[in-house]
Structure formats: C-alpha cells, structure tokens
Amino acid sequence: MSNLVKALIGLSALAFVLAVVTHFVGPILGTEAEAYSRASTNLVLLAIALVLTFGDRARAGRSL
C-alpha cells in the first residue's frame, strides 16, 4: 500500500509541475493548466483516502 501512495503523490507532483509550466507556456497537448491542477488535487486526495483507510490496518498487522 505504501508504494501505491508514494506513486500517487509522485504523479500528483508531476501534474502540479505541468500545471505551473502550462500556466506560463500555454496549453500542452491542448490541455489547460486547470486540468493538471485538478488532476494533482484528485491524486493527493486518493492518496490521503488510502492512508486513512488502510494505514492503521497495515501497522496493526505487522505488530502482531
């Protein structure tokens, strides 16, 4: 689960950088900056939801 969360956060960071670059350069592949910004936010929210849902279960299983 930890690897999935790290991947989502990495993709979110990439989407954020693309949003900043798109804001200054212009649309990349016809996609506006708002779309990358929204994607970044959604990916981080998914990562947070996964940690909140499965984070305690993974730690509890290891300690037994």
PDB file of N, CA and C in Angstrom:
ATOM      1  N   MET A   1       0.822  -1.190   0.000  1.00  0.00           N
ATOM      2  CA  MET A   1       0.000   0.000   0.000  1.00  0.00           C
ATOM      3  C   MET A   1       0.867   1.256   0.000  1.00  0.00           C
ATOM      4  N   SER A   2       1.988   1.180   0.705  1.00  0.00           N
ATOM      5  CA  SER A   2       2.876   2.323   0.795  1.00  0.00           C
ATOM      6  C   SER A   2       3.405   2.735  -0.582  1.00  0.00           C
ATOM      7  N   ASN A   3       3.722   1.751  -1.404  1.00  0.00           N
ATOM      8  CA  ASN A   3       4.225   2.055  -2.745  1.00  0.00           C
ATOM      9  C   ASN A   3       3.172   2.732  -3.604  1.00  0.00           C
ATOM     10  N   LEU A   4       1.931   2.312  -3.469  1.00  0.00           N
ATOM     11  CA  LEU A   4       0.845   2.927  -4.230  1.00  0.00           C
ATOM     12  C   LEU A   4       0.660   4.380  -3.814  1.00  0.00           C
ATOM     13  N   VAL A   5       0.705   4.639  -2.526  1.00  0.00           N
ATOM     14  CA  VAL A   5       0.555   6.007  -2.026  1.00  0.00           C
ATOM     15  C   VAL A   5       1.707   6.875  -2.524  1.00  0.00           C
ATOM     16  N   LYS A   6       2.919   6.345  -2.490  1.00  0.00           N
ATOM     17  CA  LYS A   6       4.074   7.103  -2.982  1.00  0.00           C
ATOM     18  C   LYS A   6       3.943   7.391  -4.473  1.00  0.00           C
ATOM     19  N   ALA A   7       3.441   6.435  -5.238  1.00  0.00           N
ATOM     20  CA  ALA A   7       3.243   6.637  -6.673  1.00  0.00           C
ATOM     21  C   ALA A   7       2.200   7.721  -6.930  1.00  0.00           C
ATOM     22  N   LEU A   8       1.118   7.703  -6.174  1.00  0.00           N
ATOM     23  CA  LEU A   8       0.086   8.727  -6.338  1.00  0.00           C
ATOM     24  C   LEU A   8       0.619  10.114  -6.000  1.00  0.00           C
ATOM     25  N   ILE A   9       1.423  10.206  -4.956  1.00  0.00           N
ATOM     26  CA  ILE A   9       1.993  11.500  -4.579  1.00  0.00           C
ATOM     27  C   ILE A   9       2.985  11.960  -5.642  1.00  0.00           C
ATOM     28  N   GLY A  10       3.764  11.047  -6.198  1.00  0.00           N
ATOM     29  CA  GLY A  10       4.689  11.405  -7.271  1.00  0.00           C
ATOM     30  C   GLY A  10       3.964  11.890  -8.517  1.00  0.00           C
ATOM     31  N   LEU A  11       2.903  11.194  -8.890  1.00  0.00           N
ATOM     32  CA  LEU A  11       2.105  11.629 -10.043  1.00  0.00           C
ATOM     33  C   LEU A  11       1.444  12.978  -9.784  1.00  0.00           C
ATOM     34  N   SER A  12       1.029  13.190  -8.544  1.00  0.00           N
ATOM     35  CA  SER A  12       0.438  14.467  -8.180  1.00  0.00           C
ATOM     36  C   SER A  12       1.449  15.603  -8.317  1.00  0.00           C
ATOM     37  N   ALA A  13       2.678  15.352  -7.869  1.00  0.00           N
ATOM     38  CA  ALA A  13       3.731  16.363  -8.004  1.00  0.00           C
ATOM     39  C   ALA A  13       4.009  16.655  -9.481  1.00  0.00           C
ATOM     40  N   LEU A  14       4.041  15.628 -10.305  1.00  0.00           N
ATOM     41  CA  LEU A  14       4.248  15.819 -11.738  1.00  0.00           C
ATOM     42  C   LEU A  14       3.114  16.639 -12.355  1.00  0.00           C
ATOM     43  N   ALA A  15       1.888  16.333 -11.982  1.00  0.00           N
ATOM     44  CA  ALA A  15       0.742  17.090 -12.501  1.00  0.00           C
ATOM     45  C   ALA A  15       0.805  18.543 -12.050  1.00  0.00           C
ATOM     46  N   PHE A  16       1.258  18.779 -10.822  1.00  0.00           N
ATOM     47  CA  PHE A  16       1.389  20.152 -10.338  1.00  0.00           C
ATOM     48  C   PHE A  16       2.439  20.918 -11.138  1.00  0.00           C
ATOM     49  N   VAL A  17       3.569  20.271 -11.393  1.00  0.00           N
ATOM     50  CA  VAL A  17       4.618  20.923 -12.196  1.00  0.00           C
ATOM     51  C   VAL A  17       4.108  21.209 -13.604  1.00  0.00           C
ATOM     52  N   LEU A  18       3.383  20.267 -14.183  1.00  0.00           N
ATOM     53  CA  LEU A  18       2.798  20.504 -15.506  1.00  0.00           C
ATOM     54  C   LEU A  18       1.805  21.654 -15.485  1.00  0.00           C
ATOM     55  N   ALA A  19       1.053  21.797 -14.397  1.00  0.00           N
ATOM     56  CA  ALA A  19       0.112  22.910 -14.283  1.00  0.00           C
ATOM     57  C   ALA A  19       0.849  24.237 -14.257  1.00  0.00           C
ATOM     58  N   VAL A  20       1.952  24.302 -13.511  1.00  0.00           N
ATOM     59  CA  VAL A  20       2.725  25.546 -13.440  1.00  0.00           C
ATOM     60  C   VAL A  20       3.340  25.869 -14.800  1.00  0.00           C
ATOM     61  N   VAL A  21       3.933  24.868 -15.435  1.00  0.00           N
ATOM     62  CA  VAL A  21       4.548  25.090 -16.756  1.00  0.00           C
ATOM     63  C   VAL A  21       3.497  25.501 -17.769  1.00  0.00           C
ATOM     64  N   THR A  22       2.355  24.847 -17.756  1.00  0.00           N
ATOM     65  CA  THR A  22       1.280  25.162 -18.688  1.00  0.00           C
ATOM     66  C   THR A  22       0.758  26.577 -18.471  1.00  0.00           C
ATOM     67  N   HIS A  23       0.746  27.027 -17.248  1.00  0.00           N
ATOM     68  CA  HIS A  23       0.278  28.388 -16.954  1.00  0.00           C
ATOM     69  C   HIS A  23       1.171  29.422 -17.636  1.00  0.00           C
ATOM     70  N   PHE A  24       2.479  29.189 -17.615  1.00  0.00           N
ATOM     71  CA  PHE A  24       3.397  30.163 -18.185  1.00  0.00           C
ATOM     72  C   PHE A  24       3.639  29.978 -19.680  1.00  0.00           C
ATOM     73  N   VAL A  25       3.619  28.732 -20.160  1.00  0.00           N
ATOM     74  CA  VAL A  25       3.950  28.452 -21.556  1.00  0.00           C
ATOM     75  C   VAL A  25       2.709  28.454 -22.443  1.00  0.00           C
ATOM     76  N   GLY A  26       1.633  27.932 -21.951  1.00  0.00           N
ATOM     77  CA  GLY A  26       0.415  27.777 -22.739  1.00  0.00           C
ATOM     78  C   GLY A  26      -0.005  26.322 -22.733  1.00  0.00           C
ATOM     79  N   PRO A  27      -1.128  26.021 -23.351  1.00  0.00           N
ATOM     80  CA  PRO A  27      -1.656  24.650 -23.327  1.00  0.00           C
ATOM     81  C   PRO A  27      -0.663  23.631 -23.886  1.00  0.00           C
ATOM     82  N   ILE A  28      -0.505  22.523 -23.162  1.00  0.00           N
ATOM     83  CA  ILE A  28       0.323  21.415 -23.624  1.00  0.00           C
ATOM     84  C   ILE A  28      -0.625  20.322 -24.102  1.00  0.00           C
ATOM     85  N   LEU A  29      -0.482  19.946 -25.365  1.00  0.00           N
ATOM     86  CA  LEU A  29      -1.362  18.947 -25.982  1.00  0.00           C
ATOM     87  C   LEU A  29      -2.834  19.338 -25.859  1.00  0.00           C
ATOM     88  N   GLY A  30      -3.112  20.628 -25.898  1.00  0.00           N
ATOM     89  CA  GLY A  30      -4.486  21.108 -25.834  1.00  0.00           C
ATOM     90  C   GLY A  30      -5.113  21.048 -24.457  1.00  0.00           C
ATOM     91  N   THR A  31      -4.306  20.854 -23.426  1.00  0.00           N
ATOM     92  CA  THR A  31      -4.825  20.752 -22.066  1.00  0.00           C
ATOM     93  C   THR A  31      -4.439  21.998 -21.282  1.00  0.00           C
ATOM     94  N   GLU A  32      -5.431  22.636 -20.684  1.00  0.00           N
ATOM     95  CA  GLU A  32      -5.193  23.858 -19.913  1.00  0.00           C
ATOM     96  C   GLU A  32      -4.596  23.533 -18.546  1.00  0.00           C
ATOM     97  N   ALA A  33      -4.075  24.551 -17.883  1.00  0.00           N
ATOM     98  CA  ALA A  33      -3.446  24.391 -16.570  1.00  0.00           C
ATOM     99  C   ALA A  33      -4.433  23.900 -15.517  1.00  0.00           C
ATOM    100  N   GLU A  34      -5.689  24.298 -15.623  1.00  0.00           N
ATOM    101  CA  GLU A  34      -6.686  23.901 -14.626  1.00  0.00           C
ATOM    102  C   GLU A  34      -6.890  22.398 -14.598  1.00  0.00           C
ATOM    103  N   ALA A  35      -6.768  21.752 -15.732  1.00  0.00           N
ATOM    104  CA  ALA A  35      -6.946  20.294 -15.784  1.00  0.00           C
ATOM    105  C   ALA A  35      -5.820  19.590 -15.037  1.00  0.00           C
ATOM    106  N   TYR A  36      -4.586  20.064 -15.201  1.00  0.00           N
ATOM    107  CA  TYR A  36      -3.466  19.466 -14.478  1.00  0.00           C
ATOM    108  C   TYR A  36      -3.591  19.743 -12.985  1.00  0.00           C
ATOM    109  N   SER A  37      -4.029  20.940 -12.639  1.00  0.00           N
ATOM    110  CA  SER A  37      -4.203  21.284 -11.231  1.00  0.00           C
ATOM    111  C   SER A  37      -5.268  20.405 -10.581  1.00  0.00           C
ATOM    112  N   ARG A  38      -6.356  20.189 -11.279  1.00  0.00           N
ATOM    113  CA  ARG A  38      -7.426  19.333 -10.760  1.00  0.00           C
ATOM    114  C   ARG A  38      -6.953  17.893 -10.626  1.00  0.00           C
ATOM    115  N   ALA A  39      -6.181  17.425 -11.586  1.00  0.00           N
ATOM    116  CA  ALA A  39      -5.637  16.065 -11.516  1.00  0.00           C
ATOM    117  C   ALA A  39      -4.705  15.917 -10.320  1.00  0.00           C
ATOM    118  N   SER A  40      -3.889  16.938 -10.077  1.00  0.00           N
ATOM    119  CA  SER A  40      -2.976  16.905  -8.939  1.00  0.00           C
ATOM    120  C   SER A  40      -3.746  16.800  -7.626  1.00  0.00           C
ATOM    121  N   THR A  41      -4.770  17.602  -7.494  1.00  0.00           N
ATOM    122  CA  THR A  41      -5.586  17.582  -6.277  1.00  0.00           C
ATOM    123  C   THR A  41      -6.276  16.235  -6.086  1.00  0.00           C
ATOM    124  N   ASN A  42      -6.839  15.694  -7.147  1.00  0.00           N
ATOM    125  CA  ASN A  42      -7.548  14.412  -7.046  1.00  0.00           C
ATOM    126  C   ASN A  42      -6.605  13.272  -6.675  1.00  0.00           C
ATOM    127  N   LEU A  43      -5.391  13.265  -7.219  1.00  0.00           N
ATOM    128  CA  LEU A  43      -4.439  12.209  -6.886  1.00  0.00           C
ATOM    129  C   LEU A  43      -4.019  12.266  -5.426  1.00  0.00           C
ATOM    130  N   VAL A  44      -3.807  13.475  -4.906  1.00  0.00           N
ATOM    131  CA  VAL A  44      -3.437  13.596  -3.494  1.00  0.00           C
ATOM    132  C   VAL A  44      -4.601  13.182  -2.598  1.00  0.00           C
ATOM    133  N   LEU A  45      -5.814  13.531  -2.973  1.00  0.00           N
ATOM    134  CA  LEU A  45      -6.968  13.121  -2.174  1.00  0.00           C
ATOM    135  C   LEU A  45      -7.113  11.600  -2.157  1.00  0.00           C
ATOM    136  N   LEU A  46      -6.832  10.946  -3.276  1.00  0.00           N
ATOM    137  CA  LEU A  46      -6.848   9.481  -3.303  1.00  0.00           C
ATOM    138  C   LEU A  46      -5.781   8.906  -2.376  1.00  0.00           C
ATOM    139  N   ALA A  47      -4.599   9.494  -2.393  1.00  0.00           N
ATOM    140  CA  ALA A  47      -3.523   9.014  -1.511  1.00  0.00           C
ATOM    141  C   ALA A  47      -3.905   9.191  -0.047  1.00  0.00           C
ATOM    142  N   ILE A  48      -4.485  10.326   0.295  1.00  0.00           N
ATOM    143  CA  ILE A  48      -4.910  10.565   1.677  1.00  0.00           C
ATOM    144  C   ILE A  48      -5.978   9.557   2.083  1.00  0.00           C
ATOM    145  N   ALA A  49      -6.940   9.313   1.192  1.00  0.00           N
ATOM    146  CA  ALA A  49      -8.009   8.367   1.497  1.00  0.00           C
ATOM    147  C   ALA A  49      -7.450   6.956   1.719  1.00  0.00           C
ATOM    148  N   LEU A  50      -6.475   6.550   0.908  1.00  0.00           N
ATOM    149  CA  LEU A  50      -5.878   5.222   1.084  1.00  0.00           C
ATOM    150  C   LEU A  50      -5.135   5.113   2.405  1.00  0.00           C
ATOM    151  N   VAL A  51      -4.402   6.154   2.769  1.00  0.00           N
ATOM    152  CA  VAL A  51      -3.669   6.119   4.040  1.00  0.00           C
ATOM    153  C   VAL A  51      -4.632   6.081   5.210  1.00  0.00           C
ATOM    154  N   LEU A  52      -5.679   6.883   5.153  1.00  0.00           N
ATOM    155  CA  LEU A  52      -6.646   6.901   6.251  1.00  0.00           C
ATOM    156  C   LEU A  52      -7.426   5.595   6.341  1.00  0.00           C
ATOM    157  N   THR A  53      -7.688   4.966   5.211  1.00  0.00           N
ATOM    158  CA  THR A  53      -8.472   3.741   5.210  1.00  0.00           C
ATOM    159  C   THR A  53      -7.643   2.527   5.594  1.00  0.00           C
ATOM    160  N   PHE A  54      -6.458   2.387   5.021  1.00  0.00           N
ATOM    161  CA  PHE A  54      -5.678   1.171   5.198  1.00  0.00           C
ATOM    162  C   PHE A  54      -4.414   1.356   6.025  1.00  0.00           C
ATOM    163  N   GLY A  55      -4.082   2.556   6.424  1.00  0.00           N
ATOM    164  CA  GLY A  55      -2.837   2.810   7.144  1.00  0.00           C
ATOM    165  C   GLY A  55      -2.765   2.112   8.484  1.00  0.00           C
ATOM    166  N   ASP A  56      -3.795   2.184   9.294  1.00  0.00           N
ATOM    167  CA  ASP A  56      -3.784   1.559  10.612  1.00  0.00           C
ATOM    168  C   ASP A  56      -3.819   0.040  10.525  1.00  0.00           C
ATOM    169  N   ARG A  57      -4.510  -0.497   9.552  1.00  0.00           N
ATOM    170  CA  ARG A  57      -4.595  -1.951   9.406  1.00  0.00           C
ATOM    171  C   ARG A  57      -3.228  -2.546   9.071  1.00  0.00           C
ATOM    172  N   ALA A  58      -2.470  -1.859   8.231  1.00  0.00           N
ATOM    173  CA  ALA A  58      -1.162  -2.373   7.843  1.00  0.00           C
ATOM    174  C   ALA A  58      -0.226  -2.368   9.048  1.00  0.00           C
ATOM    175  N   ARG A  59      -0.248  -1.320   9.857  1.00  0.00           N
ATOM    176  CA  ARG A  59       0.604  -1.250  11.036  1.00  0.00           C
ATOM    177  C   ARG A  59       0.186  -2.258  12.092  1.00  0.00           C
ATOM    178  N   ALA A  60      -1.119  -2.448  12.263  1.00  0.00           N
ATOM    179  CA  ALA A  60      -1.615  -3.395  13.261  1.00  0.00           C
ATOM    180  C   ALA A  60      -1.250  -4.829  12.892  1.00  0.00           C
ATOM    181  N   GLY A  61      -1.247  -5.141  11.592  1.00  0.00           N
ATOM    182  CA  GLY A  61      -0.899  -6.485  11.155  1.00  0.00           C
ATOM    183  C   GLY A  61       0.561  -6.804  11.367  1.00  0.00           C
ATOM    184  N   ARG A  62       1.423  -5.821  11.237  1.00  0.00           N
ATOM    185  CA  ARG A  62       2.863  -6.049  11.423  1.00  0.00           C
ATOM    186  C   ARG A  62       3.234  -6.224  12.867  1.00  0.00           C
ATOM    187  N   SER A  63       2.503  -5.588  13.768  1.00  0.00           N
ATOM    188  CA  SER A  63       2.881  -5.638  15.179  1.00  0.00           C
ATOM    189  C   SER A  63       2.436  -6.931  15.845  1.00  0.00           C
ATOM    190  N   LEU A  64       1.544  -7.685  15.212  1.00  0.00           N
ATOM    191  CA  LEU A  64       1.066  -8.932  15.837  1.00  0.00           C
ATOM    192  C   LEU A  64       2.032 -10.045  15.711  1.00  0.00           C
TER     193      LEU A  64
END
